[in-house]
Amino acid sequence: MRLFGSAHYPDSIGPHSDVDLAIKGVDWPDNLRLWSQVEALEPEFEIDLMDGAIVSPSLRAHIDREGVAL
C-alpha cells in the first residue's frame, strides 16, 4: 500500500483534501472487503483506495515516484 497525493505533503492538506492510497496484489473480493472496512472507519478525510494494478500508466508512474510505502 502506498500513500500519494496531497496527504503526502502536510502543507498541502486542507479542509477539502482526501487521502489517496494505492494497493497492489490484492484480489478483487479482498479489495472490496478492504474498501468496506476503510469506509466503516468514518475517517475525517475521504479515503480514495485505488487498485494500483489497473490505474493508468501515468498515475502508476506518479505513485511509484511520489508515493510512500505504508
C-alpha atoms as a PDB file:
ATOM      1  CA  MET A   1       0.000   0.000   0.000  1.00  0.00           C
ATOM      2  CA  ARG A   2       1.313   3.438  -0.934  1.00  0.00           C
ATOM      3  CA  LEU A   3       0.208   6.879   0.197  1.00  0.00           C
ATOM      4  CA  PHE A   4       0.331   9.548  -2.501  1.00  0.00           C
ATOM      5  CA  GLY A   5      -1.287  12.871  -3.327  1.00  0.00           C
ATOM      6  CA  SER A   6      -1.796  15.868  -1.055  1.00  0.00           C
ATOM      7  CA  ALA A   7      -1.794  13.844   2.178  1.00  0.00           C
ATOM      8  CA  HIS A   8       1.838  13.028   1.448  1.00  0.00           C
ATOM      9  CA  TYR A   9       2.590  16.773   1.685  1.00  0.00           C
ATOM     10  CA  PRO A  10       1.251  18.060   5.031  1.00  0.00           C
ATOM     11  CA  ASP A  11       1.477  21.704   3.937  1.00  0.00           C
ATOM     12  CA  SER A  12      -0.959  20.884   1.114  1.00  0.00           C
ATOM     13  CA  ILE A  13      -3.700  19.384   3.296  1.00  0.00           C
ATOM     14  CA  GLY A  14      -6.841  21.466   3.580  1.00  0.00           C
ATOM     15  CA  PRO A  15     -10.477  21.017   4.547  1.00  0.00           C
ATOM     16  CA  HIS A  16     -11.328  19.520   1.134  1.00  0.00           C
ATOM     17  CA  SER A  17      -8.335  17.178   0.913  1.00  0.00           C
ATOM     18  CA  ASP A  18      -8.606  13.425   0.638  1.00  0.00           C
ATOM     19  CA  VAL A  19      -6.232  10.576   1.346  1.00  0.00           C
ATOM     20  CA  ASP A  20      -5.077   8.685  -1.745  1.00  0.00           C
ATOM     21  CA  LEU A  21      -3.976   5.090  -1.211  1.00  0.00           C
ATOM     22  CA  ALA A  22      -2.877   2.637  -3.885  1.00  0.00           C
ATOM     23  CA  ILE A  23      -2.906  -1.087  -3.231  1.00  0.00           C
ATOM     24  CA  LYS A  24      -1.444  -3.777  -5.427  1.00  0.00           C
ATOM     25  CA  GLY A  25      -1.554  -7.563  -5.357  1.00  0.00           C
ATOM     26  CA  VAL A  26      -4.942  -7.795  -3.647  1.00  0.00           C
ATOM     27  CA  ASP A  27      -7.616  -9.855  -5.395  1.00  0.00           C
ATOM     28  CA  TRP A  28     -10.992  -8.274  -6.104  1.00  0.00           C
ATOM     29  CA  PRO A  29     -13.031  -9.781  -3.196  1.00  0.00           C
ATOM     30  CA  ASP A  30     -10.352  -8.759  -0.677  1.00  0.00           C
ATOM     31  CA  ASN A  31     -10.132  -5.341  -2.322  1.00  0.00           C
ATOM     32  CA  LEU A  32     -13.874  -4.846  -1.769  1.00  0.00           C
ATOM     33  CA  ARG A  33     -13.618  -6.005   1.843  1.00  0.00           C
ATOM     34  CA  LEU A  34     -10.743  -3.612   2.469  1.00  0.00           C
ATOM     35  CA  TRP A  35     -12.647  -0.722   0.899  1.00  0.00           C
ATOM     36  CA  SER A  36     -15.682  -1.546   3.058  1.00  0.00           C
ATOM     37  CA  GLN A  37     -13.555  -1.612   6.211  1.00  0.00           C
ATOM     38  CA  VAL A  38     -11.980   1.742   5.351  1.00  0.00           C
ATOM     39  CA  GLU A  39     -15.419   3.288   4.772  1.00  0.00           C
ATOM     40  CA  ALA A  40     -16.657   1.914   8.113  1.00  0.00           C
ATOM     41  CA  LEU A  41     -13.940   3.880   9.932  1.00  0.00           C
ATOM     42  CA  GLU A  42     -15.747   7.137   9.087  1.00  0.00           C
ATOM     43  CA  PRO A  43     -12.462   8.986   8.723  1.00  0.00           C
ATOM     44  CA  GLU A  44     -12.176  12.768   8.930  1.00  0.00           C
ATOM     45  CA  PHE A  45     -10.922  12.827   5.337  1.00  0.00           C
ATOM     46  CA  GLU A  46     -12.353  10.921   2.394  1.00  0.00           C
ATOM     47  CA  ILE A  47     -10.137   7.977   1.517  1.00  0.00           C
ATOM     48  CA  ASP A  48      -9.620   7.051  -2.123  1.00  0.00           C
ATOM     49  CA  LEU A  49      -8.480   3.438  -2.313  1.00  0.00           C
ATOM     50  CA  MET A  50      -7.177   2.558  -5.766  1.00  0.00           C
ATOM     51  CA  ASP A  51      -6.077  -0.705  -7.286  1.00  0.00           C
ATOM     52  CA  GLY A  52      -2.533   0.098  -8.378  1.00  0.00           C
ATOM     53  CA  ALA A  53      -2.610  -2.728 -10.906  1.00  0.00           C
ATOM     54  CA  ILE A  54      -5.302  -1.090 -13.038  1.00  0.00           C
ATOM     55  CA  VAL A  55      -4.570   2.655 -12.838  1.00  0.00           C
ATOM     56  CA  SER A  56      -3.316   4.485 -15.910  1.00  0.00           C
ATOM     57  CA  PRO A  57       0.399   4.250 -16.732  1.00  0.00           C
ATOM     58  CA  SER A  58       0.889   7.945 -15.918  1.00  0.00           C
ATOM     59  CA  LEU A  59      -0.781   7.583 -12.497  1.00  0.00           C
ATOM     60  CA  ARG A  60       1.247   4.410 -11.814  1.00  0.00           C
ATOM     61  CA  ALA A  61       4.443   6.359 -12.604  1.00  0.00           C
ATOM     62  CA  HIS A  62       3.341   9.162 -10.263  1.00  0.00           C
ATOM     63  CA  ILE A  63       2.566   6.688  -7.453  1.00  0.00           C
ATOM     64  CA  ASP A  64       5.912   4.939  -7.943  1.00  0.00           C
ATOM     65  CA  ARG A  65       7.773   8.253  -7.970  1.00  0.00           C
ATOM     66  CA  GLU A  66       5.938  10.185  -5.236  1.00  0.00           C
ATOM     67  CA  GLY A  67       4.195   7.530  -3.128  1.00  0.00           C
ATOM     68  CA  VAL A  68       5.304   6.410   0.304  1.00  0.00           C
ATOM     69  CA  ALA A  69       5.063   2.739   1.242  1.00  0.00           C
ATOM     70  CA  LEU A  70       2.944   2.151   4.340  1.00  0.00           C
END
